[in-house]
Amino acid sequence: MIILKLLNPVFAIVTAPLLLGIINRTKAVFAGRTGQPILQPYYDIWKLFRKGAVYSRSTSWIFRAGPLIGISVTLTAATLIPFGGLPAVIAFNGDLILFAYLFGLLRFFTVLMAIDSGSSFEGMGASREVTFSTFSEPALLIGLAAVAKYTGYTSLSQMFSSINTSSWLNAGPAFVLVGFAILVVFLTENSRIPIDDPNTHLELTMIHEVMILDHSGPDLALILYAAAIKMWLLGTILIGIVVPVHSGNILLDVSAAMLSMMLLAVLVGIIESSMARLRLLRVPQLLLGATTLSILAMVLVLR
């Protein structure tokens, strides 16, 4: 059991960048291009680790410590999430609150790093990041609260293990609403279209990318790696609710969860290939819609 628990975060660490590669290949297929290798994110991160870092004389210790804090926070969050048949390393009542606030801590230091650079350009991205997180966090917390109310557990491990086919038959509409709400949060927190375009470098449209423009070398590698793990963890929450596979066979459960993660990455690639980025003024409306879906799910559960 101890080995299985340790395999869970290791699995997330090893396979998290793979989601980015699948998204990029899906977008390349829709664009009629060959595209980059599916393992290109691994190559990019490894290349950055072998380079040196450049620091501005106007930055403080926050700028250098931020990437280390970010990767530490995401690795800690990885110990709270069960994946497939692999149990979580740490599980206790109310750990879903800790999970949400760990991502809040990650965002806090990312914003501090952007402000510490002294660049008004990065400060603009930090302002947008904080504004949108004000709308996305309630959608995530209320959605998880609705699932916790239905299952009767406030621990992520117990919540996910309690969701099965019978749960969908009894509270299917509520789970559908929560699934759509968390999907919007997933796209927002990972800076994907229609919220943000991770491939653009236009100053009027960047949100997350603009906050890390002054980072280089190993620091940038840690930031990109932490972002990939964050995507993996949020995706794990989404598939844990939408695809409740509990056959009792760990190999089968892990395989089904991995296949679901790959399909989620393909879905993100399809969304980015078929939709344009929303105007900034429309993003809060979308996030408020996600919060409304979570509230409706809670109402259905309480009914």
C-alpha atoms as a PDB file:
ATOM      1  CA  MET A   1       0.000   0.000   0.000  1.00  0.00           C
ATOM      2  CA  ILE A   2       2.866   2.377   0.783  1.00  0.00           C
ATOM      3  CA  ILE A   3       4.418   1.695  -2.615  1.00  0.00           C
ATOM      4  CA  LEU A   4       1.092   2.337  -4.355  1.00  0.00           C
ATOM      5  CA  LYS A   5       0.709   5.626  -2.509  1.00  0.00           C
ATOM      6  CA  LEU A   6       4.192   6.737  -3.553  1.00  0.00           C
ATOM      7  CA  LEU A   7       3.530   5.699  -7.146  1.00  0.00           C
ATOM      8  CA  ASN A   8       0.666   8.198  -7.372  1.00  0.00           C
ATOM      9  CA  PRO A   9       2.733  11.446  -7.221  1.00  0.00           C
ATOM     10  CA  VAL A  10       5.561   9.785  -9.165  1.00  0.00           C
ATOM     11  CA  PHE A  11       3.097   8.954 -11.929  1.00  0.00           C
ATOM     12  CA  ALA A  12       1.945  12.584 -12.005  1.00  0.00           C
ATOM     13  CA  ILE A  13       5.519  13.901 -12.113  1.00  0.00           C
ATOM     14  CA  VAL A  14       6.558  11.602 -14.952  1.00  0.00           C
ATOM     15  CA  THR A  15       3.509  11.886 -17.199  1.00  0.00           C
ATOM     16  CA  ALA A  16       2.273  15.471 -16.593  1.00  0.00           C
ATOM     17  CA  PRO A  17       4.146  17.090 -19.542  1.00  0.00           C
ATOM     18  CA  LEU A  18       2.683  14.425 -21.830  1.00  0.00           C
ATOM     19  CA  LEU A  19      -0.678  16.232 -21.739  1.00  0.00           C
ATOM     20  CA  LEU A  20       0.913  19.314 -23.311  1.00  0.00           C
ATOM     21  CA  GLY A  21       2.398  17.184 -26.071  1.00  0.00           C
ATOM     22  CA  ILE A  22      -0.984  15.592 -26.830  1.00  0.00           C
ATOM     23  CA  ILE A  23      -2.664  19.006 -26.944  1.00  0.00           C
ATOM     24  CA  ASN A  24      -0.057  20.346 -29.357  1.00  0.00           C
ATOM     25  CA  ARG A  25      -0.287  17.298 -31.629  1.00  0.00           C
ATOM     26  CA  THR A  26      -4.092  17.523 -31.685  1.00  0.00           C
ATOM     27  CA  LYS A  27      -3.880  21.175 -32.716  1.00  0.00           C
ATOM     28  CA  ALA A  28      -1.349  20.265 -35.410  1.00  0.00           C
ATOM     29  CA  VAL A  29      -3.676  17.596 -36.824  1.00  0.00           C
ATOM     30  CA  PHE A  30      -6.559  20.073 -37.012  1.00  0.00           C
ATOM     31  CA  ALA A  31      -4.285  22.607 -38.708  1.00  0.00           C
ATOM     32  CA  GLY A  32      -3.060  20.063 -41.260  1.00  0.00           C
ATOM     33  CA  ARG A  33       0.511  20.159 -39.992  1.00  0.00           C
ATOM     34  CA  THR A  34       2.922  17.427 -38.927  1.00  0.00           C
ATOM     35  CA  GLY A  35       3.506  19.190 -35.662  1.00  0.00           C
ATOM     36  CA  GLN A  36       6.172  18.796 -33.026  1.00  0.00           C
ATOM     37  CA  PRO A  37       7.012  15.452 -31.370  1.00  0.00           C
ATOM     38  CA  ILE A  38       4.599  14.422 -28.669  1.00  0.00           C
ATOM     39  CA  LEU A  39       7.479  14.429 -26.171  1.00  0.00           C
ATOM     40  CA  GLN A  40       8.596  17.951 -27.090  1.00  0.00           C
ATOM     41  CA  PRO A  41       7.580  19.419 -23.671  1.00  0.00           C
ATOM     42  CA  TYR A  42      10.054  17.032 -22.016  1.00  0.00           C
ATOM     43  CA  TYR A  43      12.800  18.166 -24.394  1.00  0.00           C
ATOM     44  CA  ASP A  44      12.045  21.837 -23.736  1.00  0.00           C
ATOM     45  CA  ILE A  45      12.097  21.445 -19.960  1.00  0.00           C
ATOM     46  CA  TRP A  46      15.339  19.459 -20.084  1.00  0.00           C
ATOM     47  CA  LYS A  47      16.921  22.053 -22.368  1.00  0.00           C
ATOM     48  CA  LEU A  48      16.024  24.847 -19.949  1.00  0.00           C
ATOM     49  CA  PHE A  49      17.502  22.930 -17.012  1.00  0.00           C
ATOM     50  CA  ARG A  50      20.856  22.841 -18.822  1.00  0.00           C
ATOM     51  CA  LYS A  51      20.923  26.596 -19.358  1.00  0.00           C
ATOM     52  CA  GLY A  52      21.929  29.396 -17.025  1.00  0.00           C
ATOM     53  CA  ALA A  53      19.593  31.893 -15.380  1.00  0.00           C
ATOM     54  CA  VAL A  54      19.728  35.679 -15.722  1.00  0.00           C
ATOM     55  CA  TYR A  55      18.480  37.920 -12.911  1.00  0.00           C
ATOM     56  CA  SER A  56      17.778  41.609 -12.963  1.00  0.00           C
ATOM     57  CA  ARG A  57      19.472  43.737 -10.323  1.00  0.00           C
ATOM     58  CA  SER A  58      16.069  45.151  -9.391  1.00  0.00           C
ATOM     59  CA  THR A  59      14.683  41.771  -8.278  1.00  0.00           C
ATOM     60  CA  SER A  60      14.761  40.389  -4.732  1.00  0.00           C
ATOM     61  CA  TRP A  61      14.837  36.922  -3.200  1.00  0.00           C
ATOM     62  CA  ILE A  62      11.148  36.497  -4.076  1.00  0.00           C
ATOM     63  CA  PHE A  63      11.964  36.321  -7.781  1.00  0.00           C
ATOM     64  CA  ARG A  64      14.479  33.506  -7.227  1.00  0.00           C
ATOM     65  CA  ALA A  65      12.507  31.600  -4.603  1.00  0.00           C
ATOM     66  CA  GLY A  66       9.196  31.750  -6.484  1.00  0.00           C
ATOM     67  CA  PRO A  67       9.894  28.853  -8.923  1.00  0.00           C
ATOM     68  CA  LEU A  68      11.075  26.593  -6.093  1.00  0.00           C
ATOM     69  CA  ILE A  69       7.999  27.426  -4.026  1.00  0.00           C
ATOM     70  CA  GLY A  70       5.772  26.823  -7.052  1.00  0.00           C
ATOM     71  CA  ILE A  71       7.119  23.339  -7.776  1.00  0.00           C
ATOM     72  CA  SER A  72       7.025  22.492  -4.051  1.00  0.00           C
ATOM     73  CA  VAL A  73       3.377  23.529  -3.804  1.00  0.00           C
ATOM     74  CA  THR A  74       2.329  21.475  -6.837  1.00  0.00           C
ATOM     75  CA  LEU A  75       4.205  18.414  -5.603  1.00  0.00           C
ATOM     76  CA  THR A  76       2.486  18.772  -2.237  1.00  0.00           C
ATOM     77  CA  ALA A  77      -0.879  19.013  -3.981  1.00  0.00           C
ATOM     78  CA  ALA A  78      -0.018  15.837  -5.909  1.00  0.00           C
ATOM     79  CA  THR A  79       0.083  13.906  -2.632  1.00  0.00           C
ATOM     80  CA  LEU A  80      -3.581  14.774  -1.956  1.00  0.00           C
ATOM     81  CA  ILE A  81      -5.117  13.478  -5.197  1.00  0.00           C
ATOM     82  CA  PRO A  82      -5.856   9.799  -5.911  1.00  0.00           C
ATOM     83  CA  PHE A  83      -5.416   8.696  -9.500  1.00  0.00           C
ATOM     84  CA  GLY A  84      -7.218   5.676 -10.872  1.00  0.00           C
ATOM     85  CA  GLY A  85      -6.603   2.832  -8.477  1.00  0.00           C
ATOM     86  CA  LEU A  86      -3.611   4.551  -6.870  1.00  0.00           C
ATOM     87  CA  PRO A  87      -4.483   5.977  -3.430  1.00  0.00           C
ATOM     88  CA  ALA A  88      -3.418   9.428  -2.288  1.00  0.00           C
ATOM     89  CA  VAL A  89      -0.317   9.713  -0.125  1.00  0.00           C
ATOM     90  CA  ILE A  90      -2.096  12.039   2.315  1.00  0.00           C
ATOM     91  CA  ALA A  91      -5.813  11.866   3.055  1.00  0.00           C
ATOM     92  CA  PHE A  92      -7.782  13.525   5.837  1.00  0.00           C
ATOM     93  CA  ASN A  93     -11.139  15.222   6.322  1.00  0.00           C
ATOM     94  CA  GLY A  94     -11.143  18.622   4.651  1.00  0.00           C
ATOM     95  CA  ASP A  95      -8.103  18.031   2.444  1.00  0.00           C
ATOM     96  CA  LEU A  96     -10.058  19.430  -0.525  1.00  0.00           C
ATOM     97  CA  ILE A  97      -9.804  22.851   1.152  1.00  0.00           C
ATOM     98  CA  LEU A  98      -6.039  22.437   1.481  1.00  0.00           C
ATOM     99  CA  PHE A  99      -5.844  21.408  -2.170  1.00  0.00           C
ATOM    100  CA  ALA A 100      -7.652  24.579  -3.304  1.00  0.00           C
ATOM    101  CA  TYR A 101      -5.549  26.836  -1.114  1.00  0.00           C
ATOM    102  CA  LEU A 102      -2.292  25.262  -2.266  1.00  0.00           C
ATOM    103  CA  PHE A 103      -3.143  26.482  -5.766  1.00  0.00           C
ATOM    104  CA  GLY A 104      -4.000  29.851  -4.238  1.00  0.00           C
ATOM    105  CA  LEU A 105      -0.512  29.912  -2.688  1.00  0.00           C
ATOM    106  CA  LEU A 106       0.992  29.035  -6.076  1.00  0.00           C
ATOM    107  CA  ARG A 107      -0.862  31.922  -7.687  1.00  0.00           C
ATOM    108  CA  PHE A 108       0.160  34.279  -4.864  1.00  0.00           C
ATOM    109  CA  PHE A 109       3.876  33.714  -5.408  1.00  0.00           C
ATOM    110  CA  THR A 110       3.519  33.794  -9.187  1.00  0.00           C
ATOM    111  CA  VAL A 111       1.946  37.228  -8.885  1.00  0.00           C
ATOM    112  CA  LEU A 112       4.638  38.322  -6.430  1.00  0.00           C
ATOM    113  CA  MET A 113       7.343  37.223  -8.883  1.00  0.00           C
ATOM    114  CA  ALA A 114       5.717  39.244 -11.658  1.00  0.00           C
ATOM    115  CA  ILE A 115       5.467  42.347  -9.482  1.00  0.00           C
ATOM    116  CA  ASP A 116       8.991  41.887  -8.085  1.00  0.00           C
ATOM    117  CA  SER A 117      10.424  42.098 -11.612  1.00  0.00           C
ATOM    118  CA  GLY A 118       9.496  45.801 -11.638  1.00  0.00           C
ATOM    119  CA  SER A 119       7.915  45.512 -15.078  1.00  0.00           C
ATOM    120  CA  SER A 120       4.566  47.220 -15.622  1.00  0.00           C
ATOM    121  CA  PHE A 121       4.015  44.692 -18.432  1.00  0.00           C
ATOM    122  CA  GLU A 122       4.204  41.759 -16.009  1.00  0.00           C
ATOM    123  CA  GLY A 123       2.175  43.714 -13.465  1.00  0.00           C
ATOM    124  CA  MET A 124      -0.594  43.931 -16.053  1.00  0.00           C
ATOM    125  CA  GLY A 125      -0.619  40.137 -16.398  1.00  0.00           C
ATOM    126  CA  ALA A 126      -0.600  39.749 -12.614  1.00  0.00           C
ATOM    127  CA  SER A 127      -3.635  42.016 -12.348  1.00  0.00           C
ATOM    128  CA  ARG A 128      -5.527  39.912 -14.895  1.00  0.00           C
ATOM    129  CA  GLU A 129      -4.514  36.685 -13.174  1.00  0.00           C
ATOM    130  CA  VAL A 130      -5.815  37.853  -9.799  1.00  0.00           C
ATOM    131  CA  THR A 131      -9.035  39.186 -11.320  1.00  0.00           C
ATOM    132  CA  PHE A 132      -9.900  35.947 -13.107  1.00  0.00           C
ATOM    133  CA  SER A 133      -8.959  33.795 -10.125  1.00  0.00           C
ATOM    134  CA  THR A 134     -11.551  35.701  -8.095  1.00  0.00           C
ATOM    135  CA  PHE A 135     -14.183  34.187 -10.384  1.00  0.00           C
ATOM    136  CA  SER A 136     -12.677  30.727 -10.945  1.00  0.00           C
ATOM    137  CA  GLU A 137     -12.013  29.758  -7.326  1.00  0.00           C
ATOM    138  CA  PRO A 138     -15.698  29.925  -6.235  1.00  0.00           C
ATOM    139  CA  ALA A 139     -16.665  27.704  -9.176  1.00  0.00           C
ATOM    140  CA  LEU A 140     -14.112  25.084  -8.127  1.00  0.00           C
ATOM    141  CA  LEU A 141     -14.857  25.200  -4.403  1.00  0.00           C
ATOM    142  CA  ILE A 142     -18.645  25.180  -4.757  1.00  0.00           C
ATOM    143  CA  GLY A 143     -18.444  22.355  -7.301  1.00  0.00           C
ATOM    144  CA  LEU A 144     -16.295  20.258  -4.962  1.00  0.00           C
ATOM    145  CA  ALA A 145     -18.609  21.169  -2.079  1.00  0.00           C
ATOM    146  CA  ALA A 146     -21.564  19.835  -4.056  1.00  0.00           C
ATOM    147  CA  VAL A 147     -19.769  16.521  -4.620  1.00  0.00           C
ATOM    148  CA  ALA A 148     -18.736  16.434  -0.957  1.00  0.00           C
ATOM    149  CA  LYS A 149     -22.328  17.011   0.128  1.00  0.00           C
ATOM    150  CA  TYR A 150     -23.589  14.154  -2.035  1.00  0.00           C
ATOM    151  CA  THR A 151     -20.902  11.656  -1.001  1.00  0.00           C
ATOM    152  CA  GLY A 152     -20.825  12.759   2.642  1.00  0.00           C
ATOM    153  CA  TYR A 153     -17.018  13.088   2.651  1.00  0.00           C
ATOM    154  CA  THR A 154     -14.717  16.114   2.638  1.00  0.00           C
ATOM    155  CA  SER A 155     -11.616  14.124   1.744  1.00  0.00           C
ATOM    156  CA  LEU A 156     -10.756  13.904  -1.951  1.00  0.00           C
ATOM    157  CA  SER A 157      -9.785  10.237  -1.650  1.00  0.00           C
ATOM    158  CA  GLN A 158     -13.085   9.252  -0.054  1.00  0.00           C
ATOM    159  CA  MET A 159     -15.075  11.489  -2.402  1.00  0.00           C
ATOM    160  CA  PHE A 160     -13.676   9.930  -5.558  1.00  0.00           C
ATOM    161  CA  SER A 161     -13.896   6.377  -4.243  1.00  0.00           C
ATOM    162  CA  SER A 162     -17.575   6.960  -3.425  1.00  0.00           C
ATOM    163  CA  ILE A 163     -18.514   8.111  -6.927  1.00  0.00           C
ATOM    164  CA  ASN A 164     -19.694   5.208  -9.075  1.00  0.00           C
ATOM    165  CA  THR A 165     -22.318   4.294 -11.640  1.00  0.00           C
ATOM    166  CA  SER A 166     -25.058   4.404  -9.009  1.00  0.00           C
ATOM    167  CA  SER A 167     -24.011   7.925  -8.083  1.00  0.00           C
ATOM    168  CA  TRP A 168     -24.463   9.019 -11.681  1.00  0.00           C
ATOM    169  CA  LEU A 169     -27.867   7.366 -11.839  1.00  0.00           C
ATOM    170  CA  ASN A 170     -28.998   9.170  -8.697  1.00  0.00           C
ATOM    171  CA  ALA A 171     -27.337  12.569  -9.171  1.00  0.00           C
ATOM    172  CA  GLY A 172     -26.348  12.623 -12.841  1.00  0.00           C
ATOM    173  CA  PRO A 173     -27.557  16.186 -13.595  1.00  0.00           C
ATOM    174  CA  ALA A 174     -25.606  17.587 -10.636  1.00  0.00           C
ATOM    175  CA  PHE A 175     -22.430  15.785 -11.707  1.00  0.00           C
ATOM    176  CA  VAL A 176     -22.842  17.031 -15.277  1.00  0.00           C
ATOM    177  CA  LEU A 177     -23.100  20.616 -14.038  1.00  0.00           C
ATOM    178  CA  VAL A 178     -20.063  20.185 -11.805  1.00  0.00           C
ATOM    179  CA  GLY A 179     -18.156  18.607 -14.704  1.00  0.00           C
ATOM    180  CA  PHE A 180     -18.795  21.571 -17.002  1.00  0.00           C
ATOM    181  CA  ALA A 181     -17.922  24.044 -14.244  1.00  0.00           C
ATOM    182  CA  ILE A 182     -14.617  22.318 -13.463  1.00  0.00           C
ATOM    183  CA  LEU A 183     -13.824  22.088 -17.185  1.00  0.00           C
ATOM    184  CA  VAL A 184     -14.078  25.889 -17.402  1.00  0.00           C
ATOM    185  CA  VAL A 185     -11.881  26.176 -14.305  1.00  0.00           C
ATOM    186  CA  PHE A 186      -9.440  23.710 -15.879  1.00  0.00           C
ATOM    187  CA  LEU A 187      -9.110  25.881 -18.994  1.00  0.00           C
ATOM    188  CA  THR A 188      -8.816  29.055 -16.927  1.00  0.00           C
ATOM    189  CA  GLU A 189      -6.245  27.841 -14.419  1.00  0.00           C
ATOM    190  CA  ASN A 190      -4.074  26.392 -17.183  1.00  0.00           C
ATOM    191  CA  SER A 191      -4.303  29.501 -19.391  1.00  0.00           C
ATOM    192  CA  ARG A 192      -5.913  27.743 -22.323  1.00  0.00           C
ATOM    193  CA  ILE A 193      -8.275  28.992 -25.021  1.00  0.00           C
ATOM    194  CA  PRO A 194     -10.882  30.523 -24.783  1.00  0.00           C
ATOM    195  CA  ILE A 195      -9.491  32.196 -21.632  1.00  0.00           C
ATOM    196  CA  ASP A 196      -5.890  32.676 -22.705  1.00  0.00           C
ATOM    197  CA  ASP A 197      -3.627  31.563 -25.535  1.00  0.00           C
ATOM    198  CA  PRO A 198      -0.397  29.975 -24.229  1.00  0.00           C
ATOM    199  CA  ASN A 199       1.283  30.347 -27.625  1.00  0.00           C
ATOM    200  CA  THR A 200       0.762  34.061 -28.110  1.00  0.00           C
ATOM    201  CA  HIS A 201       3.180  36.850 -27.246  1.00  0.00           C
ATOM    202  CA  LEU A 202       0.895  39.770 -27.962  1.00  0.00           C
ATOM    203  CA  GLU A 203       0.947  42.083 -24.969  1.00  0.00           C
ATOM    204  CA  LEU A 204      -2.771  42.847 -25.204  1.00  0.00           C
ATOM    205  CA  THR A 205      -3.808  39.212 -24.841  1.00  0.00           C
ATOM    206  CA  MET A 206      -1.297  37.513 -22.547  1.00  0.00           C
ATOM    207  CA  ILE A 207      -2.210  36.645 -18.964  1.00  0.00           C
ATOM    208  CA  HIS A 208      -0.055  33.876 -17.539  1.00  0.00           C
ATOM    209  CA  GLU A 209       2.775  33.957 -20.071  1.00  0.00           C
ATOM    210  CA  VAL A 210       3.441  37.634 -19.499  1.00  0.00           C
ATOM    211  CA  MET A 211       4.118  37.034 -15.794  1.00  0.00           C
ATOM    212  CA  ILE A 212       7.100  34.762 -16.483  1.00  0.00           C
ATOM    213  CA  LEU A 213       8.793  36.650 -19.320  1.00  0.00           C
ATOM    214  CA  ASP A 214      11.784  37.616 -17.152  1.00  0.00           C
ATOM    215  CA  HIS A 215      12.477  34.056 -16.029  1.00  0.00           C
ATOM    216  CA  SER A 216      15.029  31.909 -17.803  1.00  0.00           C
ATOM    217  CA  GLY A 217      16.972  28.686 -17.532  1.00  0.00           C
ATOM    218  CA  PRO A 218      16.178  26.338 -14.620  1.00  0.00           C
ATOM    219  CA  ASP A 219      13.737  28.836 -13.094  1.00  0.00           C
ATOM    220  CA  LEU A 220      11.602  28.836 -16.230  1.00  0.00           C
ATOM    221  CA  ALA A 221      11.869  25.036 -16.412  1.00  0.00           C
ATOM    222  CA  LEU A 222      10.503  24.732 -12.872  1.00  0.00           C
ATOM    223  CA  ILE A 223       7.637  27.103 -13.684  1.00  0.00           C
ATOM    224  CA  LEU A 224       6.700  25.145 -16.814  1.00  0.00           C
ATOM    225  CA  TYR A 225       6.991  21.846 -14.969  1.00  0.00           C
ATOM    226  CA  ALA A 226       4.798  23.114 -12.122  1.00  0.00           C
ATOM    227  CA  ALA A 227       2.227  24.315 -14.667  1.00  0.00           C
ATOM    228  CA  ALA A 228       2.173  20.861 -16.295  1.00  0.00           C
ATOM    229  CA  ILE A 229       1.643  19.155 -12.920  1.00  0.00           C
ATOM    230  CA  LYS A 230      -1.101  21.650 -12.101  1.00  0.00           C
ATOM    231  CA  MET A 231      -2.853  20.738 -15.341  1.00  0.00           C
ATOM    232  CA  TRP A 232      -2.519  17.057 -14.503  1.00  0.00           C
ATOM    233  CA  LEU A 233      -4.004  17.510 -11.009  1.00  0.00           C
ATOM    234  CA  LEU A 234      -6.984  19.573 -12.153  1.00  0.00           C
ATOM    235  CA  GLY A 235      -7.571  17.053 -14.922  1.00  0.00           C
ATOM    236  CA  THR A 236      -7.459  14.260 -12.340  1.00  0.00           C
ATOM    237  CA  ILE A 237     -10.235  15.969 -10.378  1.00  0.00           C
ATOM    238  CA  LEU A 238     -12.329  16.340 -13.515  1.00  0.00           C
ATOM    239  CA  ILE A 239     -12.011  12.719 -14.658  1.00  0.00           C
ATOM    240  CA  GLY A 240     -12.447  11.517 -11.068  1.00  0.00           C
ATOM    241  CA  ILE A 241     -15.963  12.957 -11.183  1.00  0.00           C
ATOM    242  CA  VAL A 242     -16.869  12.350 -14.820  1.00  0.00           C
ATOM    243  CA  VAL A 243     -15.248   8.909 -15.290  1.00  0.00           C
ATOM    244  CA  PRO A 244     -15.685   6.987 -12.003  1.00  0.00           C
ATOM    245  CA  VAL A 245     -13.908   3.701 -12.773  1.00  0.00           C
ATOM    246  CA  HIS A 246     -13.556   1.443  -9.711  1.00  0.00           C
ATOM    247  CA  SER A 247     -13.170  -2.124 -10.907  1.00  0.00           C
ATOM    248  CA  GLY A 248     -10.909  -3.222  -8.060  1.00  0.00           C
ATOM    249  CA  ASN A 249      -8.114  -4.014 -10.520  1.00  0.00           C
ATOM    250  CA  ILE A 250      -5.451  -1.348 -10.044  1.00  0.00           C
ATOM    251  CA  LEU A 251      -3.904  -1.869 -13.474  1.00  0.00           C
ATOM    252  CA  LEU A 252      -7.285  -1.552 -15.184  1.00  0.00           C
ATOM    253  CA  ASP A 253      -8.272   1.495 -13.132  1.00  0.00           C
ATOM    254  CA  VAL A 254      -4.980   3.288 -13.802  1.00  0.00           C
ATOM    255  CA  SER A 255      -5.192   2.469 -17.517  1.00  0.00           C
ATOM    256  CA  ALA A 256      -8.754   3.813 -17.697  1.00  0.00           C
ATOM    257  CA  ALA A 257      -7.740   6.983 -15.833  1.00  0.00           C
ATOM    258  CA  MET A 258      -4.730   7.501 -18.110  1.00  0.00           C
ATOM    259  CA  LEU A 259      -6.868   7.018 -21.209  1.00  0.00           C
ATOM    260  CA  SER A 260      -9.350   9.551 -19.818  1.00  0.00           C
ATOM    261  CA  MET A 261      -6.538  12.063 -19.249  1.00  0.00           C
ATOM    262  CA  MET A 262      -5.384  11.628 -22.839  1.00  0.00           C
ATOM    263  CA  LEU A 263      -8.930  12.132 -24.106  1.00  0.00           C
ATOM    264  CA  LEU A 264      -9.165  15.273 -21.973  1.00  0.00           C
ATOM    265  CA  ALA A 265      -5.976  16.580 -23.599  1.00  0.00           C
ATOM    266  CA  VAL A 266      -7.451  15.805 -27.027  1.00  0.00           C
ATOM    267  CA  LEU A 267     -10.621  17.680 -26.028  1.00  0.00           C
ATOM    268  CA  VAL A 268      -8.550  20.719 -25.046  1.00  0.00           C
ATOM    269  CA  GLY A 269      -6.772  20.560 -28.402  1.00  0.00           C
ATOM    270  CA  ILE A 270     -10.127  20.404 -30.204  1.00  0.00           C
ATOM    271  CA  ILE A 271     -11.422  23.392 -28.228  1.00  0.00           C
ATOM    272  CA  GLU A 272      -8.321  25.410 -29.054  1.00  0.00           C
ATOM    273  CA  SER A 273      -8.557  24.465 -32.718  1.00  0.00           C
ATOM    274  CA  SER A 274     -12.253  25.330 -33.094  1.00  0.00           C
ATOM    275  CA  MET A 275     -12.625  28.412 -30.900  1.00  0.00           C
ATOM    276  CA  ALA A 276     -11.117  31.860 -30.744  1.00  0.00           C
ATOM    277  CA  ARG A 277      -9.920  33.534 -27.595  1.00  0.00           C
ATOM    278  CA  LEU A 278     -12.618  35.492 -25.785  1.00  0.00           C
ATOM    279  CA  ARG A 279     -12.370  39.207 -25.251  1.00  0.00           C
ATOM    280  CA  LEU A 280     -11.090  40.027 -21.776  1.00  0.00           C
ATOM    281  CA  LEU A 281     -14.421  41.543 -20.782  1.00  0.00           C
ATOM    282  CA  ARG A 282     -16.186  38.290 -21.667  1.00  0.00           C
ATOM    283  CA  VAL A 283     -13.968  36.057 -19.525  1.00  0.00           C
ATOM    284  CA  PRO A 284     -15.571  37.054 -16.174  1.00  0.00           C
ATOM    285  CA  GLN A 285     -18.980  36.324 -17.668  1.00  0.00           C
ATOM    286  CA  LEU A 286     -17.867  32.800 -18.607  1.00  0.00           C
ATOM    287  CA  LEU A 287     -16.456  32.212 -15.138  1.00  0.00           C
ATOM    288  CA  LEU A 288     -19.604  33.534 -13.504  1.00  0.00           C
ATOM    289  CA  GLY A 289     -21.507  31.060 -15.656  1.00  0.00           C
ATOM    290  CA  ALA A 290     -19.290  28.261 -14.310  1.00  0.00           C
ATOM    291  CA  THR A 291     -19.978  29.412 -10.747  1.00  0.00           C
ATOM    292  CA  THR A 292     -23.695  29.419 -11.525  1.00  0.00           C
ATOM    293  CA  LEU A 293     -23.454  25.814 -12.730  1.00  0.00           C
ATOM    294  CA  SER A 294     -21.742  24.829  -9.478  1.00  0.00           C
ATOM    295  CA  ILE A 295     -24.440  26.588  -7.452  1.00  0.00           C
ATOM    296  CA  LEU A 296     -27.168  24.805  -9.418  1.00  0.00           C
ATOM    297  CA  ALA A 297     -25.404  21.499  -8.763  1.00  0.00           C
ATOM    298  CA  MET A 298     -25.393  22.269  -5.052  1.00  0.00           C
ATOM    299  CA  VAL A 299     -29.104  23.086  -5.180  1.00  0.00           C
ATOM    300  CA  LEU A 300     -29.824  19.756  -6.898  1.00  0.00           C
ATOM    301  CA  VAL A 301     -27.788  17.882  -4.294  1.00  0.00           C
ATOM    302  CA  LEU A 302     -29.555  19.663  -1.407  1.00  0.00           C
ATOM    303  CA  ARG A 303     -32.996  19.097  -2.883  1.00  0.00           C
END
